[in-house]
Amino acid sequence: MNKLETLKSAVEARNAEVADYQINIDNYERAIAKIDQEHADKPEILKFKDQLIGLLDSSKTEQLKAIIIRDVIADQIIELEAS
């Protein structure tokens, strides 16, 4: 496998990684909203909400890291295809 093929494979993997993070982000946001609407009076569930907020923040950060690396890989693909 040459560098271009390797980079193309890597960018596909990063796209999947970004999508996986987005699914988690969407789920955490929905769960937090559900807790706020239906379970705000339950202290034990509010602790869970705090955990979800931490996971949401972490997932957003990790997704951004994956996006940055994906974009760097995509730039390399463009450069190699142009040469």
N, C-alpha and C. Protein backbone atom coordinates (compact mmCIF):
# COMPACT_ATOMS: atom_id res chain seq x y z
N MET A 1 0.85 -1.17 0.00
CA MET A 1 0.00 0.00 0.00
C MET A 1 0.91 1.24 0.00
N ASN A 2 0.67 2.14 -0.94
CA ASN A 2 1.48 3.36 -1.01
C ASN A 2 0.91 4.44 -0.07
N LYS A 3 1.62 5.56 0.01
CA LYS A 3 1.23 6.61 0.95
C LYS A 3 -0.17 7.15 0.66
N LEU A 4 -0.50 7.37 -0.60
CA LEU A 4 -1.81 7.90 -0.95
C LEU A 4 -2.92 6.95 -0.52
N GLU A 5 -2.75 5.68 -0.79
CA GLU A 5 -3.76 4.69 -0.38
C GLU A 5 -3.89 4.64 1.14
N THR A 6 -2.76 4.71 1.83
CA THR A 6 -2.78 4.70 3.29
C THR A 6 -3.51 5.93 3.83
N LEU A 7 -3.24 7.09 3.25
CA LEU A 7 -3.90 8.31 3.68
C LEU A 7 -5.40 8.26 3.41
N LYS A 8 -5.78 7.72 2.27
CA LYS A 8 -7.21 7.61 1.95
C LYS A 8 -7.91 6.69 2.95
N SER A 9 -7.27 5.63 3.31
CA SER A 9 -7.82 4.72 4.32
C SER A 9 -7.92 5.42 5.67
N ALA A 10 -6.90 6.19 6.01
CA ALA A 10 -6.88 6.91 7.28
C ALA A 10 -7.97 7.97 7.35
N VAL A 11 -8.21 8.67 6.26
CA VAL A 11 -9.25 9.71 6.27
C VAL A 11 -10.63 9.08 6.42
N GLU A 12 -10.84 7.92 5.82
CA GLU A 12 -12.11 7.21 5.99
C GLU A 12 -12.31 6.81 7.45
N ALA A 13 -11.24 6.34 8.08
CA ALA A 13 -11.33 5.96 9.49
C ALA A 13 -11.64 7.17 10.36
N ARG A 14 -11.03 8.31 10.07
CA ARG A 14 -11.30 9.53 10.84
C ARG A 14 -12.73 10.01 10.63
N ASN A 15 -13.24 9.89 9.41
CA ASN A 15 -14.64 10.26 9.17
C ASN A 15 -15.57 9.40 10.02
N ALA A 16 -15.28 8.12 10.11
CA ALA A 16 -16.09 7.23 10.94
C ALA A 16 -15.97 7.61 12.42
N GLU A 17 -14.76 7.96 12.83
CA GLU A 17 -14.53 8.36 14.22
C GLU A 17 -15.33 9.63 14.55
N VAL A 18 -15.31 10.60 13.67
CA VAL A 18 -16.06 11.84 13.86
C VAL A 18 -17.56 11.52 13.97
N ALA A 19 -18.05 10.65 13.12
CA ALA A 19 -19.46 10.27 13.14
C ALA A 19 -19.81 9.56 14.44
N ASP A 20 -18.93 8.68 14.91
CA ASP A 20 -19.18 7.98 16.18
C ASP A 20 -19.26 8.97 17.34
N TYR A 21 -18.35 9.93 17.37
CA TYR A 21 -18.42 10.96 18.42
C TYR A 21 -19.72 11.73 18.33
N GLN A 22 -20.16 12.04 17.10
CA GLN A 22 -21.40 12.80 16.94
C GLN A 22 -22.60 12.04 17.49
N ILE A 23 -22.63 10.74 17.27
CA ILE A 23 -23.71 9.93 17.82
C ILE A 23 -23.72 10.03 19.34
N ASN A 24 -22.55 9.91 19.95
CA ASN A 24 -22.47 10.03 21.41
C ASN A 24 -22.88 11.42 21.87
N ILE A 25 -22.41 12.45 21.18
CA ILE A 25 -22.77 13.82 21.54
C ILE A 25 -24.28 14.01 21.50
N ASP A 26 -24.90 13.55 20.42
CA ASP A 26 -26.35 13.67 20.30
C ASP A 26 -27.07 12.92 21.42
N ASN A 27 -26.60 11.72 21.73
CA ASN A 27 -27.22 10.93 22.79
C ASN A 27 -27.07 11.61 24.15
N TYR A 28 -25.89 12.12 24.45
CA TYR A 28 -25.67 12.79 25.74
C TYR A 28 -26.55 14.04 25.85
N GLU A 29 -26.64 14.81 24.78
CA GLU A 29 -27.47 16.01 24.82
C GLU A 29 -28.94 15.66 25.04
N ARG A 30 -29.41 14.63 24.38
CA ARG A 30 -30.81 14.21 24.55
C ARG A 30 -31.06 13.68 25.96
N ALA A 31 -30.11 12.93 26.47
CA ALA A 31 -30.28 12.38 27.82
C ALA A 31 -30.30 13.50 28.86
N ILE A 32 -29.43 14.48 28.70
CA ILE A 32 -29.40 15.63 29.62
C ILE A 32 -30.74 16.37 29.57
N ALA A 33 -31.25 16.61 28.38
CA ALA A 33 -32.54 17.29 28.23
C ALA A 33 -33.67 16.47 28.86
N LYS A 34 -33.62 15.16 28.67
CA LYS A 34 -34.65 14.28 29.24
C LYS A 34 -34.62 14.33 30.76
N ILE A 35 -33.43 14.31 31.32
CA ILE A 35 -33.30 14.40 32.77
C ILE A 35 -33.87 15.74 33.26
N ASP A 36 -33.52 16.82 32.57
CA ASP A 36 -34.03 18.14 32.96
C ASP A 36 -35.56 18.18 32.92
N GLN A 37 -36.15 17.54 31.93
CA GLN A 37 -37.60 17.59 31.75
C GLN A 37 -38.35 16.61 32.64
N GLU A 38 -37.78 15.43 32.87
CA GLU A 38 -38.55 14.37 33.52
C GLU A 38 -38.02 13.89 34.86
N HIS A 39 -36.78 14.22 35.19
CA HIS A 39 -36.19 13.63 36.39
C HIS A 39 -35.41 14.63 37.24
N ALA A 40 -35.71 15.91 37.09
CA ALA A 40 -34.96 16.96 37.79
C ALA A 40 -35.12 16.88 39.31
N ASP A 41 -36.10 16.15 39.78
CA ASP A 41 -36.36 16.05 41.23
C ASP A 41 -35.68 14.83 41.87
N LYS A 42 -34.84 14.14 41.12
CA LYS A 42 -34.20 12.91 41.62
C LYS A 42 -32.69 13.14 41.77
N PRO A 43 -32.22 13.33 43.00
CA PRO A 43 -30.80 13.64 43.21
C PRO A 43 -29.84 12.61 42.61
N GLU A 44 -30.20 11.33 42.68
CA GLU A 44 -29.30 10.31 42.14
C GLU A 44 -29.19 10.41 40.61
N ILE A 45 -30.24 10.85 39.97
CA ILE A 45 -30.22 11.03 38.51
C ILE A 45 -29.48 12.32 38.15
N LEU A 46 -29.53 13.30 39.03
CA LEU A 46 -28.78 14.54 38.78
C LEU A 46 -27.28 14.27 38.81
N LYS A 47 -26.83 13.32 39.62
CA LYS A 47 -25.42 12.92 39.60
C LYS A 47 -25.07 12.30 38.25
N PHE A 48 -25.99 11.48 37.74
CA PHE A 48 -25.80 10.89 36.42
C PHE A 48 -25.73 11.98 35.35
N LYS A 49 -26.58 13.00 35.49
CA LYS A 49 -26.57 14.13 34.54
C LYS A 49 -25.19 14.80 34.56
N ASP A 50 -24.62 14.98 35.75
CA ASP A 50 -23.29 15.58 35.84
C ASP A 50 -22.26 14.72 35.11
N GLN A 51 -22.38 13.41 35.22
CA GLN A 51 -21.47 12.51 34.49
C GLN A 51 -21.66 12.67 32.99
N LEU A 52 -22.91 12.78 32.57
CA LEU A 52 -23.19 12.96 31.15
C LEU A 52 -22.62 14.27 30.62
N ILE A 53 -22.70 15.31 31.42
CA ILE A 53 -22.13 16.60 31.01
C ILE A 53 -20.63 16.46 30.81
N GLY A 54 -19.96 15.74 31.71
CA GLY A 54 -18.53 15.49 31.55
C GLY A 54 -18.22 14.69 30.29
N LEU A 55 -19.02 13.67 30.05
CA LEU A 55 -18.84 12.85 28.84
C LEU A 55 -19.10 13.67 27.57
N LEU A 56 -20.09 14.54 27.63
CA LEU A 56 -20.41 15.40 26.49
C LEU A 56 -19.23 16.32 26.19
N ASP A 57 -18.71 16.97 27.21
CA ASP A 57 -17.57 17.86 27.00
C ASP A 57 -16.37 17.11 26.44
N SER A 58 -16.11 15.95 27.01
CA SER A 58 -14.98 15.13 26.55
C SER A 58 -15.17 14.68 25.10
N SER A 59 -16.37 14.26 24.77
CA SER A 59 -16.64 13.80 23.40
C SER A 59 -16.49 14.94 22.39
N LYS A 60 -16.92 16.13 22.77
CA LYS A 60 -16.76 17.27 21.87
C LYS A 60 -15.28 17.58 21.63
N THR A 61 -14.50 17.50 22.69
CA THR A 61 -13.06 17.75 22.56
C THR A 61 -12.41 16.69 21.69
N GLU A 62 -12.72 15.42 21.95
CA GLU A 62 -12.12 14.33 21.18
C GLU A 62 -12.56 14.38 19.73
N GLN A 63 -13.80 14.77 19.49
CA GLN A 63 -14.28 14.89 18.12
C GLN A 63 -13.51 15.98 17.38
N LEU A 64 -13.27 17.10 18.05
CA LEU A 64 -12.52 18.18 17.42
C LEU A 64 -11.10 17.73 17.09
N LYS A 65 -10.49 16.98 17.99
CA LYS A 65 -9.15 16.45 17.71
C LYS A 65 -9.18 15.57 16.46
N ALA A 66 -10.20 14.71 16.36
CA ALA A 66 -10.32 13.83 15.20
C ALA A 66 -10.55 14.63 13.92
N ILE A 67 -11.32 15.70 14.01
CA ILE A 67 -11.57 16.56 12.85
C ILE A 67 -10.27 17.22 12.40
N ILE A 68 -9.49 17.70 13.34
CA ILE A 68 -8.22 18.36 13.00
C ILE A 68 -7.30 17.38 12.27
N ILE A 69 -7.15 16.17 12.81
CA ILE A 69 -6.28 15.18 12.17
C ILE A 69 -6.85 14.76 10.81
N ARG A 70 -8.16 14.58 10.74
CA ARG A 70 -8.79 14.23 9.46
C ARG A 70 -8.50 15.29 8.40
N ASP A 71 -8.61 16.56 8.79
CA ASP A 71 -8.37 17.64 7.84
C ASP A 71 -6.91 17.68 7.39
N VAL A 72 -6.00 17.39 8.31
CA VAL A 72 -4.57 17.34 7.95
C VAL A 72 -4.32 16.21 6.96
N ILE A 73 -4.93 15.08 7.20
CA ILE A 73 -4.79 13.94 6.28
C ILE A 73 -5.38 14.30 4.91
N ALA A 74 -6.55 14.92 4.93
CA ALA A 74 -7.19 15.31 3.66
C ALA A 74 -6.33 16.28 2.88
N ASP A 75 -5.68 17.20 3.57
CA ASP A 75 -4.78 18.14 2.90
C ASP A 75 -3.63 17.39 2.22
N GLN A 76 -3.10 16.39 2.89
CA GLN A 76 -2.00 15.61 2.30
C GLN A 76 -2.47 14.85 1.06
N ILE A 77 -3.69 14.34 1.11
CA ILE A 77 -4.24 13.63 -0.05
C ILE A 77 -4.33 14.58 -1.24
N ILE A 78 -4.83 15.79 -0.99
CA ILE A 78 -4.95 16.79 -2.06
C ILE A 78 -3.57 17.09 -2.65
N GLU A 79 -2.60 17.26 -1.78
CA GLU A 79 -1.24 17.57 -2.24
C GLU A 79 -0.66 16.43 -3.09
N LEU A 80 -0.86 15.20 -2.63
CA LEU A 80 -0.33 14.06 -3.38
C LEU A 80 -1.04 13.86 -4.71
N GLU A 81 -2.33 14.08 -4.73
CA GLU A 81 -3.10 13.91 -5.98
C GLU A 81 -2.74 15.01 -6.98
N ALA A 82 -2.34 16.17 -6.49
CA ALA A 82 -1.99 17.28 -7.37
C ALA A 82 -0.59 17.12 -7.98
N SER A 83 0.23 16.31 -7.32
CA SER A 83 1.61 16.18 -7.82
C SER A 83 1.76 15.04 -8.80
